[in-house]
């Protein structure tokens, strides 16, 4: 009975901590850039228009990503009626699901303790926690890929289990219609097939069994949930914009983006740097884990081979194209934590490990104490950036300063309370950081980061009956507008947006424009336009009726400035 109680306590402690760390702040903020406002806006327009197959961003079709995340956000809003909750729920549930997959795999392949070690390591890996608290696609695709890995490993290492085999393929299909790379989960079959052919114990693919083909069938079913209706509707309606949508999302945004990346160019070794910095703290164990892994691989232990080989293949896959982002490699993090977990009980008993974790906790405490002191001092470059780029007032800066001081003091307290359990001290310190940032940082930073402050102030200044048009806008402007706002395309060059906006304003009285500073031209009377505010390091201006002098034709200098800010070449 005491052992049962201890096991139950440890499990409950983990899941309560996970829910607290990942769920803190839910409902306290609006979507923040870079990607959150875009997906939330698309989901909002789905609900308002009823068109869930062909998503829109403003007046344009949005074909950059499949709509799975936006579907979930829209569905959660339909149930909850609260966008602040609905837009973050998919990431929260996906993160909890990923933790469950890793914890249960560790339990089944090794022991209950190993499963908890894997889950703890994943929960506090910086990239995982940071992304799990954001409403981007990556937490969701990481969950589907990890679920696919879970199903495949249940079959390959503890099978045959044809239900989990089929579910693994099905989850890979859901990952594919979430983000095209979801199919990389199926690479797990390759090292399993090689190991089975070489006679490794405990690993079999069972490819000769007719039920093997249930897996590919499950993948096709999952992909067809989105692909079949969208293709059939596009072909039936035969509209050029729908055909262009299909061409972009099925070819340009997948195969062409991979083979001919046009943005986020990085060197081949980029993801190595991401793992070494953003997978802290578990990645700190790699210098000692690699020799231990090698010894186990020489003993032909497939429990290590499959997740480690899959991690290596994913790293190679994402290192080949020129375009790279830090989040691309995140789906490999759960399998790294799984393979690392059996080694952690022994590693954490070593003196160097304790010293390393203690030093990291002390460094965090000192950094937060120093940062809090700088903000409370009320002057310096950091304070100036908070004011000029984030639009924070002195009260907001002081609130952040006190928050940082509290986190630093909490970390020092954790070091004293858990001085003999340094891993617990580090994890408790990180938990305090995430909870404090969510409960204090979210409300303080929200108005400036989400554009809610700028849009609310603009709405008050133009009055409730005025119409508003957006020029050189960002998704958060349209999302946070207090009325139905006109827009003139999103990817349209800014000088053309301004021309369309000015023409729209001239057609009726009581119309205002909100224009990003980089898109302002000489045709706008600087004495009549008004600064609306600062949001996301950008300055926004209100253009009232009568502030336009003549025709708006951009000069070369104005076009170059706008093009540089918009991120496009000059036509």
Protein backbone atom coordinates (compact mmCIF):
# COMPACT_ATOMS: atom_id res chain seq x y z
CA UNK A 1 0.00 0.00 0.00
CA UNK A 2 2.72 2.61 0.77
CA UNK A 3 4.37 1.93 -2.60
CA UNK A 4 1.05 2.35 -4.36
CA UNK A 5 0.47 5.65 -2.57
CA UNK A 6 3.94 6.89 -3.50
CA UNK A 7 3.44 6.01 -7.15
CA UNK A 8 0.06 7.70 -7.21
CA UNK A 9 1.47 10.79 -5.52
CA UNK A 10 4.33 11.07 -8.03
CA UNK A 11 1.99 10.73 -10.99
CA UNK A 12 -0.50 13.25 -9.63
CA UNK A 13 2.33 15.67 -8.84
CA UNK A 14 3.52 15.56 -12.43
CA UNK A 15 0.12 16.10 -14.04
CA UNK A 16 -0.89 18.86 -11.64
CA UNK A 17 2.42 20.60 -12.34
CA UNK A 18 2.00 20.15 -16.09
CA UNK A 19 -1.52 21.56 -16.05
CA UNK A 20 -0.42 24.48 -13.89
CA UNK A 21 2.63 25.34 -16.01
CA UNK A 22 0.96 24.92 -19.40
CA UNK A 23 -2.52 26.15 -18.49
CA UNK A 24 -1.61 29.21 -16.43
CA UNK A 25 -2.77 32.40 -18.11
CA UNK A 26 -5.45 30.76 -20.24
CA UNK A 27 -7.98 33.48 -21.00
CA UNK A 28 -5.71 36.34 -19.89
CA UNK A 29 -4.40 37.42 -23.28
CA UNK A 30 -5.26 37.80 -26.92
CA UNK A 31 -3.27 36.33 -29.83
CA UNK A 32 0.27 37.70 -30.14
CA UNK A 33 2.47 37.76 -33.25
CA UNK A 34 4.13 36.27 -35.10
CA UNK A 35 1.61 33.60 -36.14
CA UNK A 36 -1.11 33.57 -33.49
CA UNK A 37 -3.22 36.49 -34.83
CA UNK A 38 -3.14 35.03 -38.32
CA UNK A 39 -4.56 31.67 -37.30
CA UNK A 40 -7.07 33.21 -34.89
CA UNK A 41 -8.25 35.63 -37.59
CA UNK A 42 -8.69 32.80 -40.08
CA UNK A 43 -10.64 30.81 -37.47
CA UNK A 44 -12.79 33.83 -36.63
CA UNK A 45 -13.63 34.39 -40.28
CA UNK A 46 -14.51 30.69 -40.60
CA UNK A 47 -17.09 31.07 -37.84
CA UNK A 48 -18.47 34.31 -39.23
CA UNK A 49 -18.66 33.21 -42.88
CA UNK A 50 -19.47 29.53 -42.41
CA UNK A 51 -16.77 28.69 -44.99
CA UNK A 52 -14.52 26.17 -43.24
CA UNK A 53 -13.04 24.56 -46.34
CA UNK A 54 -11.49 27.65 -47.95
CA UNK A 55 -10.14 29.86 -45.17
CA UNK A 56 -9.67 33.60 -45.63
CA UNK A 57 -7.33 36.22 -44.22
CA UNK A 58 -9.24 39.42 -44.79
CA UNK A 59 -10.52 39.38 -48.35
CA UNK A 60 -7.81 36.94 -49.53
CA UNK A 61 -7.80 33.16 -49.42
CA UNK A 62 -5.25 31.86 -46.91
CA UNK A 63 -3.31 28.95 -48.38
CA UNK A 64 -0.08 28.97 -46.39
CA UNK A 65 -1.11 26.13 -44.08
CA UNK A 66 -3.80 23.41 -43.96
CA UNK A 67 -6.74 24.43 -41.77
CA UNK A 68 -6.56 21.83 -38.97
CA UNK A 69 -5.47 24.26 -36.23
CA UNK A 70 -7.97 26.88 -37.37
CA UNK A 71 -10.73 24.26 -37.43
CA UNK A 72 -10.00 23.36 -33.82
CA UNK A 73 -9.87 26.99 -32.72
CA UNK A 74 -13.17 27.70 -34.45
CA UNK A 75 -14.72 24.57 -32.95
CA UNK A 76 -13.59 25.47 -29.43
CA UNK A 77 -14.98 28.98 -29.89
CA UNK A 78 -18.31 27.52 -31.02
CA UNK A 79 -18.39 25.56 -27.74
CA UNK A 80 -16.93 28.16 -25.35
CA UNK A 81 -17.90 31.48 -26.96
CA UNK A 82 -14.58 32.96 -25.79
CA UNK A 83 -11.76 33.57 -28.26
CA UNK A 84 -9.17 34.14 -25.51
CA UNK A 85 -9.75 30.57 -24.38
CA UNK A 86 -10.48 28.96 -27.73
CA UNK A 87 -7.35 30.06 -29.57
CA UNK A 88 -4.98 28.51 -26.99
CA UNK A 89 -6.89 25.31 -26.19
CA UNK A 90 -5.54 23.26 -29.13
CA UNK A 91 -1.94 23.90 -28.05
CA UNK A 92 -2.70 23.14 -24.40
CA UNK A 93 -4.45 19.85 -25.15
CA UNK A 94 -1.82 18.89 -27.73
CA UNK A 95 0.99 19.48 -25.23
CA UNK A 96 -0.74 17.41 -22.56
CA UNK A 97 -1.32 14.68 -25.14
CA UNK A 98 2.34 14.70 -26.14
CA UNK A 99 3.38 14.39 -22.50
CA UNK A 100 1.01 11.45 -22.04
CA UNK A 101 2.42 9.63 -25.08
CA UNK A 102 5.99 10.01 -23.84
CA UNK A 103 5.13 9.09 -20.25
CA UNK A 104 3.16 6.00 -21.26
CA UNK A 105 5.78 4.83 -23.76
CA UNK A 106 8.49 5.13 -21.12
CA UNK A 107 6.32 3.14 -18.73
CA UNK A 108 5.59 0.38 -21.24
CA UNK A 109 9.09 0.08 -22.70
CA UNK A 110 10.94 0.43 -19.38
CA UNK A 111 9.28 1.30 -16.04
CA UNK A 112 6.78 3.72 -14.54
CA UNK A 113 9.67 5.76 -13.13
CA UNK A 114 11.32 6.03 -16.53
CA UNK A 115 8.05 7.26 -18.03
CA UNK A 116 7.83 10.04 -15.46
CA UNK A 117 11.46 11.02 -16.00
CA UNK A 118 10.79 11.31 -19.74
CA UNK A 119 7.71 13.44 -19.15
CA UNK A 120 9.47 15.74 -16.65
CA UNK A 121 12.39 16.23 -19.04
CA UNK A 122 10.02 17.12 -21.87
CA UNK A 123 7.78 19.40 -19.82
CA UNK A 124 10.62 21.71 -18.84
CA UNK A 125 12.60 21.64 -22.08
CA UNK A 126 12.46 25.32 -22.95
CA UNK A 127 11.28 24.94 -26.54
CA UNK A 128 8.45 22.60 -25.59
CA UNK A 129 7.08 24.80 -22.79
CA UNK A 130 7.48 28.00 -24.79
CA UNK A 131 5.68 26.62 -27.83
CA UNK A 132 3.01 24.81 -25.80
CA UNK A 133 1.91 28.18 -24.41
CA UNK A 134 1.56 29.66 -27.89
CA UNK A 135 -1.20 29.17 -30.44
CA UNK A 136 0.93 28.07 -33.34
CA UNK A 137 0.69 24.96 -35.49
CA UNK A 138 3.85 23.34 -34.12
CA UNK A 139 2.48 22.06 -30.76
CA UNK A 140 -0.38 20.41 -32.62
CA UNK A 141 1.78 18.79 -35.30
CA UNK A 142 4.23 17.68 -32.60
CA UNK A 143 1.37 15.91 -30.84
CA UNK A 144 0.17 14.12 -33.98
CA UNK A 145 3.74 13.07 -34.87
CA UNK A 146 4.36 11.86 -31.30
CA UNK A 147 1.03 10.01 -31.28
CA UNK A 148 2.04 8.38 -34.56
CA UNK A 149 5.39 7.41 -33.01
CA UNK A 150 3.52 6.04 -30.01
CA UNK A 151 1.28 3.83 -32.13
CA UNK A 152 4.13 2.62 -34.33
CA UNK A 153 6.38 1.80 -31.36
CA UNK A 154 3.58 -0.05 -29.58
CA UNK A 155 3.39 -2.26 -32.66
CA UNK A 156 7.07 -2.48 -33.60
CA UNK A 157 8.51 -3.09 -30.12
CA UNK A 158 5.64 -4.70 -28.20
CA UNK A 159 3.50 -6.08 -30.97
CA UNK A 160 2.04 -7.12 -33.14
CA UNK A 161 -0.66 -4.63 -32.26
CA UNK A 162 -2.59 -3.83 -35.39
CA UNK A 163 -4.93 -1.29 -33.76
CA UNK A 164 -2.01 0.88 -32.66
CA UNK A 165 -0.27 0.31 -35.97
CA UNK A 166 -3.31 1.67 -37.79
CA UNK A 167 -3.75 4.52 -35.34
CA UNK A 168 -0.10 5.46 -35.78
CA UNK A 169 -0.53 5.83 -39.52
CA UNK A 170 -3.84 7.66 -39.01
CA UNK A 171 -2.15 10.13 -36.63
CA UNK A 172 0.59 10.70 -39.21
CA UNK A 173 -2.15 11.54 -41.70
CA UNK A 174 -3.69 14.03 -39.28
CA UNK A 175 -0.24 15.53 -38.83
CA UNK A 176 0.06 15.87 -42.59
CA UNK A 177 -3.17 17.87 -42.89
CA UNK A 178 -2.01 19.97 -39.92
CA UNK A 179 1.37 20.75 -41.44
CA UNK A 180 2.71 18.92 -44.45
CA UNK A 181 5.67 17.41 -42.59
CA UNK A 182 3.44 15.25 -40.39
CA UNK A 183 4.31 12.23 -42.52
CA UNK A 184 7.89 12.20 -41.16
CA UNK A 185 6.60 10.10 -38.27
CA UNK A 186 6.51 7.16 -40.70
CA UNK A 187 10.31 7.26 -40.97
CA UNK A 188 10.23 5.25 -37.73
CA UNK A 189 9.48 2.16 -39.82
CA UNK A 190 12.82 2.32 -41.64
CA UNK A 191 15.18 1.60 -38.71
CA UNK A 192 12.67 -0.96 -37.43
CA UNK A 193 12.75 -2.80 -40.76
CA UNK A 194 16.56 -2.77 -40.85
CA UNK A 195 16.82 -3.97 -37.25
CA UNK A 196 14.28 -6.72 -37.88
CA UNK A 197 16.16 -7.84 -40.98
CA UNK A 198 19.42 -7.88 -38.98
CA UNK A 199 17.82 -10.06 -36.32
CA UNK A 200 17.60 -7.57 -33.45
CA UNK A 201 15.45 -8.91 -30.61
CA UNK A 202 12.06 -7.38 -29.69
CA UNK A 203 11.54 -5.53 -32.96
CA UNK A 204 9.38 -6.70 -35.85
CA UNK A 205 7.48 -4.92 -38.63
CA UNK A 206 5.27 -7.93 -39.53
CA UNK A 207 5.18 -6.72 -43.14
CA UNK A 208 4.01 -10.07 -44.53
CA UNK A 209 0.78 -9.97 -42.56
CA UNK A 210 -2.13 -8.69 -44.71
CA UNK A 211 -3.14 -6.37 -41.86
CA UNK A 212 0.06 -4.42 -42.55
CA UNK A 213 -1.92 -2.47 -45.16
CA UNK A 214 -4.37 -1.21 -42.55
CA UNK A 215 -1.70 1.36 -41.72
CA UNK A 216 -1.42 3.01 -45.15
CA UNK A 217 -5.21 2.85 -45.41
CA UNK A 218 -5.52 4.71 -42.10
CA UNK A 219 -3.12 7.38 -43.41
CA UNK A 220 -5.19 7.86 -46.57
CA UNK A 221 -8.41 8.09 -44.57
CA UNK A 222 -6.95 10.79 -42.33
CA UNK A 223 -5.61 12.86 -45.23
CA UNK A 224 -8.91 12.49 -47.09
CA UNK A 225 -10.83 14.08 -44.22
CA UNK A 226 -9.59 17.42 -45.56
CA UNK A 227 -8.27 16.72 -49.03
CA UNK A 228 -11.32 14.98 -50.49
CA UNK A 229 -13.92 17.68 -49.74
CA UNK A 230 -11.64 20.62 -50.57
CA UNK A 231 -10.62 19.15 -53.93
CA UNK A 232 -14.17 18.11 -54.86
CA UNK A 233 -15.62 21.53 -54.02
CA UNK A 234 -12.82 23.34 -55.86
CA UNK A 235 -13.32 21.22 -58.97
CA UNK A 236 -17.10 21.47 -58.80
CA UNK A 237 -17.17 25.27 -58.51
CA UNK A 238 -14.31 25.71 -61.00
CA UNK A 239 -13.39 29.13 -59.66
CA UNK A 240 -9.87 30.38 -60.52
CA UNK A 241 -9.20 31.51 -56.95
CA UNK A 242 -10.04 28.02 -55.66
CA UNK A 243 -7.76 26.42 -58.23
CA UNK A 244 -5.00 28.82 -57.21
CA UNK A 245 -5.61 27.90 -53.57
CA UNK A 246 -5.17 24.19 -54.32
CA UNK A 247 -2.05 24.77 -56.38
CA UNK A 248 -0.47 26.87 -53.66
CA UNK A 249 -1.27 24.70 -50.66
CA UNK A 250 -0.65 21.32 -52.31
CA UNK A 251 2.50 22.14 -54.27
CA UNK A 252 4.10 25.51 -53.59
CA UNK A 253 3.75 25.41 -49.80
CA UNK A 254 4.96 21.79 -49.54
CA UNK A 255 7.31 20.36 -52.17
CA UNK A 256 8.46 23.71 -53.52
CA UNK A 257 8.97 25.24 -50.06
CA UNK A 258 11.13 22.24 -49.17
CA UNK A 259 13.15 22.08 -52.40
CA UNK A 260 13.35 25.82 -53.14
CA UNK A 261 12.95 27.62 -49.83
CA UNK A 262 12.31 31.32 -50.28
CA UNK A 263 12.57 32.48 -46.67
CA UNK A 264 14.27 31.77 -43.32
CA UNK A 265 17.56 30.80 -44.96
CA UNK A 266 19.96 29.24 -42.46
CA UNK A 267 23.18 27.16 -42.63
CA UNK A 268 23.07 23.36 -42.63
CA UNK A 269 24.12 23.13 -38.97
CA UNK A 270 21.37 25.54 -37.79
CA UNK A 271 19.23 22.93 -36.02
CA UNK A 272 22.22 21.68 -34.03
CA UNK A 273 22.44 25.14 -32.47
CA UNK A 274 18.69 25.14 -31.83
CA UNK A 275 18.86 21.82 -29.99
CA UNK A 276 21.89 22.85 -27.92
CA UNK A 277 20.22 26.06 -26.74
CA UNK A 278 16.44 25.54 -26.81
CA UNK A 279 16.37 21.95 -25.53
CA UNK A 280 17.92 22.97 -22.21
CA UNK A 281 17.94 21.46 -19.60
CA UNK A 282 17.67 17.83 -20.87
CA UNK A 283 20.15 18.43 -23.68
CA UNK A 284 22.84 19.17 -21.06
CA UNK A 285 23.04 15.43 -20.43
CA UNK A 286 24.06 14.58 -24.01
CA UNK A 287 27.86 14.44 -23.48
CA UNK A 288 27.32 11.62 -20.96
CA UNK A 289 24.26 10.09 -22.61
CA UNK A 290 25.87 9.51 -26.02
CA UNK A 291 28.42 6.93 -24.75
CA UNK A 292 25.68 5.21 -22.75
CA UNK A 293 23.45 5.07 -25.82
CA UNK A 294 26.30 3.61 -27.85
CA UNK A 295 26.82 0.81 -25.33
CA UNK A 296 23.12 -0.07 -25.44
CA UNK A 297 23.05 0.00 -29.23
CA UNK A 298 25.99 -2.41 -29.28
CA UNK A 299 23.81 -4.70 -27.14
CA UNK A 300 21.17 -4.37 -29.90
CA UNK A 301 18.52 -2.76 -27.72
CA UNK A 302 15.89 -1.57 -30.21
CA UNK A 303 14.17 0.55 -27.56
CA UNK A 304 17.02 3.03 -28.05
CA UNK A 305 17.67 2.41 -31.74
CA UNK A 306 14.24 3.40 -33.02
CA UNK A 307 13.77 6.78 -31.30
CA UNK A 308 17.44 7.76 -31.75
CA UNK A 309 17.57 6.76 -35.43
CA UNK A 310 14.29 8.57 -36.05
CA UNK A 311 15.65 11.70 -34.33
CA UNK A 312 18.74 11.55 -36.60
CA UNK A 313 16.61 11.16 -39.74
CA UNK A 314 14.38 14.08 -38.77
CA UNK A 315 17.47 16.22 -38.17
CA UNK A 316 18.84 15.34 -41.61
CA UNK A 317 15.44 15.92 -43.23
CA UNK A 318 15.11 19.45 -41.88
CA UNK A 319 18.78 20.31 -42.44
CA UNK A 320 18.68 19.73 -46.20
CA UNK A 321 16.54 22.72 -47.34
CA UNK A 322 17.90 26.25 -47.05
CA UNK A 323 14.79 27.45 -45.22
CA UNK A 324 14.87 26.58 -41.53
CA UNK A 325 13.05 27.74 -38.40
CA UNK A 326 13.72 26.70 -34.84
CA UNK A 327 10.28 25.07 -34.47
CA UNK A 328 10.87 22.66 -37.36
CA UNK A 329 13.01 20.35 -35.21
CA UNK A 330 10.68 20.37 -32.20
CA UNK A 331 8.82 17.12 -33.12
CA UNK A 332 12.08 15.26 -32.46
CA UNK A 333 12.29 16.51 -28.85
CA UNK A 334 9.82 13.98 -27.34
CA UNK A 335 11.75 11.02 -28.74
CA UNK A 336 15.03 12.46 -27.44
CA UNK A 337 13.52 12.74 -23.97
CA UNK A 338 12.18 9.19 -24.23
CA UNK A 339 15.58 7.75 -25.12
CA UNK A 340 17.27 9.85 -22.43
CA UNK A 341 14.89 8.98 -19.59
CA UNK A 342 16.28 5.51 -18.66
CA UNK A 343 19.70 7.10 -18.12
CA UNK A 344 18.56 10.01 -15.99
CA UNK A 345 18.23 8.27 -12.59
CA UNK A 346 21.89 7.28 -12.75
CA UNK A 347 23.14 10.53 -14.28
CA UNK A 348 21.38 12.70 -11.69
CA UNK A 349 23.19 10.91 -8.87
CA UNK A 350 26.55 12.06 -10.17
CA UNK A 351 28.29 15.06 -8.64
CA UNK A 352 28.87 16.86 -11.96
CA UNK A 353 25.16 16.66 -12.80
CA UNK A 354 24.15 18.13 -9.47
CA UNK A 355 26.70 20.93 -9.81
CA UNK A 356 25.57 21.70 -13.36
CA UNK A 357 21.88 21.92 -12.46
CA UNK A 358 22.64 23.95 -9.36
CA UNK A 359 24.71 26.40 -11.41
CA UNK A 360 21.91 26.72 -13.96
CA UNK A 361 19.36 27.44 -11.23
CA UNK A 362 21.65 30.04 -9.66
CA UNK A 363 22.23 31.66 -13.05
CA UNK A 364 18.49 31.93 -13.63
CA UNK A 365 17.99 33.48 -10.20
CA UNK A 366 20.73 36.06 -10.77
CA UNK A 367 19.51 36.97 -14.26
CA UNK A 368 15.95 37.56 -13.11
CA UNK A 369 17.02 39.52 -10.06
CA UNK A 370 19.27 41.69 -12.21
CA UNK A 371 16.60 42.17 -14.89
CA UNK A 372 14.01 43.10 -12.29
CA UNK A 373 16.37 45.61 -10.73
CA UNK A 374 17.05 47.25 -14.09
CA UNK A 375 13.35 47.62 -14.88
CA UNK A 376 12.53 49.00 -11.44
CA UNK A 377 15.36 51.52 -11.76
CA UNK A 378 13.27 53.12 -14.50
CA UNK A 379 16.03 54.03 -16.94
CA UNK A 380 18.39 52.37 -19.37
CA UNK A 381 18.23 50.83 -22.82
CA UNK A 382 15.97 47.96 -21.73
CA UNK A 383 13.41 50.36 -20.27
CA UNK A 384 13.63 52.56 -23.37
CA UNK A 385 12.97 49.57 -25.63
CA UNK A 386 9.98 48.57 -23.54
CA UNK A 387 8.55 52.07 -24.01
CA UNK A 388 9.51 52.78 -27.63
CA UNK A 389 8.99 49.34 -29.16
CA UNK A 390 6.31 47.85 -26.92
CA UNK A 391 4.43 51.00 -25.97
CA UNK A 392 4.54 50.12 -22.26
CA UNK A 393 3.87 52.88 -19.73
CA UNK A 394 5.98 53.21 -16.54
CA UNK A 395 3.43 51.23 -14.52
CA UNK A 396 3.71 48.31 -16.91
CA UNK A 397 7.51 48.39 -16.81
CA UNK A 398 7.45 48.40 -13.01
CA UNK A 399 5.02 45.48 -12.95
CA UNK A 400 7.40 43.46 -15.12
CA UNK A 401 10.28 44.47 -12.87
CA UNK A 402 8.52 43.21 -9.77
CA UNK A 403 7.62 40.02 -11.61
CA UNK A 404 11.26 39.35 -12.49
CA UNK A 405 12.35 40.07 -8.94
CA UNK A 406 9.72 37.66 -7.62
CA UNK A 407 10.88 34.92 -10.02
CA UNK A 408 14.50 35.45 -9.00
CA UNK A 409 13.62 35.32 -5.30
CA UNK A 410 11.51 32.20 -5.91
CA UNK A 411 14.47 30.50 -7.62
CA UNK A 412 16.72 31.31 -4.67
CA UNK A 413 14.10 29.91 -2.32
CA UNK A 414 13.87 26.72 -4.39
CA UNK A 415 17.65 26.29 -4.20
CA UNK A 416 17.45 26.44 -0.41
CA UNK A 417 14.36 24.26 -0.09
CA UNK A 418 15.62 21.55 -2.47
CA UNK A 419 19.36 21.86 -1.87
CA UNK A 420 19.74 18.06 -1.91
CA UNK A 421 17.43 17.58 -4.91
CA UNK A 422 18.84 19.99 -7.46
CA UNK A 423 16.65 18.75 -10.33
CA UNK A 424 13.57 19.55 -8.24
CA UNK A 425 15.03 23.00 -7.48
CA UNK A 426 15.54 23.73 -11.18
CA UNK A 427 12.11 22.46 -12.23
CA UNK A 428 10.37 24.36 -9.42
CA UNK A 429 12.22 27.52 -10.47
CA UNK A 430 11.16 27.07 -14.08
CA UNK A 431 7.59 26.38 -13.02
CA UNK A 432 7.59 29.64 -11.07
CA UNK A 433 8.90 31.50 -14.11
CA UNK A 434 6.20 30.17 -16.45
CA UNK A 435 3.37 30.73 -13.98
CA UNK A 436 4.51 34.25 -13.08
CA UNK A 437 4.96 35.23 -16.72
CA UNK A 438 1.51 33.88 -17.55
CA UNK A 439 -0.34 35.52 -14.66
CA UNK A 440 1.53 38.85 -14.63
CA UNK A 441 3.26 39.21 -17.99
CA UNK A 442 0.23 38.34 -20.10
CA UNK A 443 -2.02 41.14 -18.80
CA UNK A 444 0.81 43.70 -18.75
CA UNK A 445 2.02 43.01 -22.29
CA UNK A 446 -1.30 42.16 -23.91
CA UNK A 447 -2.54 45.53 -25.14
CA UNK A 448 0.71 46.33 -26.93
CA UNK A 449 1.56 42.82 -28.10
CA UNK A 450 -1.91 41.98 -29.43
CA UNK A 451 -2.70 45.46 -30.87
CA UNK A 452 -5.81 45.53 -28.67
CA UNK A 453 -4.67 48.82 -27.12
CA UNK A 454 -4.06 50.55 -30.45
CA UNK A 455 -7.30 49.29 -31.99
CA UNK A 456 -9.42 50.14 -28.93
CA UNK A 457 -7.93 53.63 -28.77
CA UNK A 458 -8.45 54.12 -32.50
CA UNK A 459 -12.08 53.06 -32.15
CA UNK A 460 -12.68 55.57 -29.36
CA UNK A 461 -11.06 58.41 -31.27
CA UNK A 462 -12.97 57.97 -34.52
CA UNK A 463 -16.30 57.41 -32.74
CA UNK A 464 -18.77 54.52 -32.87
CA UNK A 465 -20.39 55.52 -36.16
CA UNK A 466 -17.25 55.97 -38.27
CA UNK A 467 -15.99 53.37 -40.72
CA UNK A 468 -12.40 52.14 -40.54
CA UNK A 469 -10.14 50.89 -43.32
CA UNK A 470 -6.77 49.20 -42.80
CA UNK A 471 -3.67 49.85 -44.91
CA UNK A 472 -0.39 47.91 -44.51
CA UNK A 473 -2.19 46.03 -41.78
CA UNK A 474 -1.22 43.05 -39.69
CA UNK A 475 -3.59 40.26 -38.76
CA UNK A 476 -3.87 41.50 -35.19
CA UNK A 477 -5.27 44.84 -36.42
CA UNK A 478 -8.20 43.24 -38.20
CA UNK A 479 -8.67 40.70 -35.41
CA UNK A 480 -8.73 43.33 -32.65
CA UNK A 481 -10.79 45.96 -34.49
CA UNK A 482 -13.92 46.98 -32.55
CA UNK A 483 -15.98 47.07 -35.75
CA UNK A 484 -16.08 45.45 -39.16
CA UNK A 485 -13.03 46.99 -40.82
CA UNK A 486 -12.40 47.28 -44.54
CA UNK A 487 -9.16 45.86 -45.91
CA UNK A 488 -7.62 46.03 -49.34
CA UNK A 489 -5.73 42.76 -49.51
CA UNK A 490 -2.91 41.48 -47.34
CA UNK A 491 -0.17 40.49 -49.77
CA UNK A 492 -1.01 43.41 -52.06
CA UNK A 493 1.91 45.92 -52.21
CA UNK A 494 1.40 48.63 -49.66
CA UNK A 495 1.37 51.50 -52.14
CA UNK A 496 -1.53 49.77 -53.91
CA UNK A 497 -3.31 49.21 -50.59
CA UNK A 498 -2.98 52.92 -49.86
CA UNK A 499 -4.37 53.87 -53.27
CA UNK A 500 -7.34 51.56 -52.76
CA UNK A 501 -7.83 52.82 -49.21
CA UNK A 502 -7.81 56.46 -50.26
CA UNK A 503 -10.30 55.72 -53.05
CA UNK A 504 -12.53 53.85 -50.56
CA UNK A 505 -12.34 56.74 -48.10
CA UNK A 506 -13.34 59.27 -50.77
CA UNK A 507 -16.52 57.41 -51.70
CA UNK A 508 -18.39 58.15 -48.43
CA UNK A 509 -18.14 60.57 -45.49
CA UNK A 510 -17.04 59.48 -42.04
CA UNK A 511 -14.39 57.04 -43.20
CA UNK A 512 -10.97 56.77 -41.54
CA UNK A 513 -7.82 54.87 -42.45
CA UNK A 514 -5.37 53.21 -40.08
CA UNK A 515 -1.97 53.14 -41.78
CA UNK A 516 1.34 51.63 -40.71
CA UNK A 517 4.06 54.28 -40.59
CA UNK A 518 6.26 52.61 -43.21
CA UNK A 519 3.40 52.93 -45.75
CA UNK A 520 2.84 56.68 -45.29
CA UNK A 521 3.33 58.78 -48.41
CA UNK A 522 3.63 62.48 -49.21
CA UNK A 523 -0.01 62.62 -50.27
CA UNK A 524 -1.02 62.41 -46.59
CA UNK A 525 -0.94 65.73 -44.75
CA UNK A 526 1.31 65.16 -41.72
CA UNK A 527 -0.39 68.00 -39.87
CA UNK A 528 -3.77 66.30 -40.09
CA UNK A 529 -2.99 62.63 -39.49
CA UNK A 530 -2.85 61.41 -35.89
CA UNK A 531 -0.57 58.92 -34.16
CA UNK A 532 -2.80 56.05 -33.08
CA UNK A 533 -0.18 54.26 -30.99
CA UNK A 534 2.67 51.76 -30.93
CA UNK A 535 2.15 48.01 -31.22
CA UNK A 536 4.61 45.20 -31.95
CA UNK A 537 7.42 47.67 -32.61
CA UNK A 538 5.34 49.48 -35.23
CA UNK A 539 3.79 52.93 -35.21
CA UNK A 540 0.24 53.33 -36.51
CA UNK A 541 -1.40 56.49 -37.82
CA UNK A 542 -5.06 57.52 -38.21
CA UNK A 543 -5.90 59.31 -41.43
CA UNK A 544 -9.13 61.32 -41.03
CA UNK A 545 -11.33 62.51 -43.90
CA UNK A 546 -9.74 65.47 -45.67
CA UNK A 547 -6.13 64.51 -44.86
CA UNK A 548 -5.31 63.39 -48.42
CA UNK A 549 -3.69 65.98 -50.70
CA UNK A 550 -3.84 64.93 -54.32
CA UNK A 551 -3.17 61.54 -55.86
CA UNK A 552 -1.18 58.98 -53.87
CA UNK A 553 1.68 57.88 -56.13
CA UNK A 554 4.65 56.46 -54.23
CA UNK A 555 8.12 57.79 -54.90
CA UNK A 556 11.01 55.36 -55.34
CA UNK A 557 12.12 56.07 -51.79
CA UNK A 558 8.62 55.45 -50.40
CA UNK A 559 8.26 52.26 -52.41
CA UNK A 560 11.66 50.99 -51.26
CA UNK A 561 10.83 51.71 -47.61
CA UNK A 562 7.47 49.99 -47.83
CA UNK A 563 8.90 47.02 -49.73
CA UNK A 564 11.65 46.53 -47.15
CA UNK A 565 9.11 46.53 -44.32
CA UNK A 566 6.63 44.32 -46.11
CA UNK A 567 9.35 41.82 -46.94
CA UNK A 568 8.98 41.76 -50.70
CA UNK A 569 11.11 42.81 -53.65
CA UNK A 570 10.47 45.98 -55.63
CA UNK A 571 8.50 45.08 -58.77
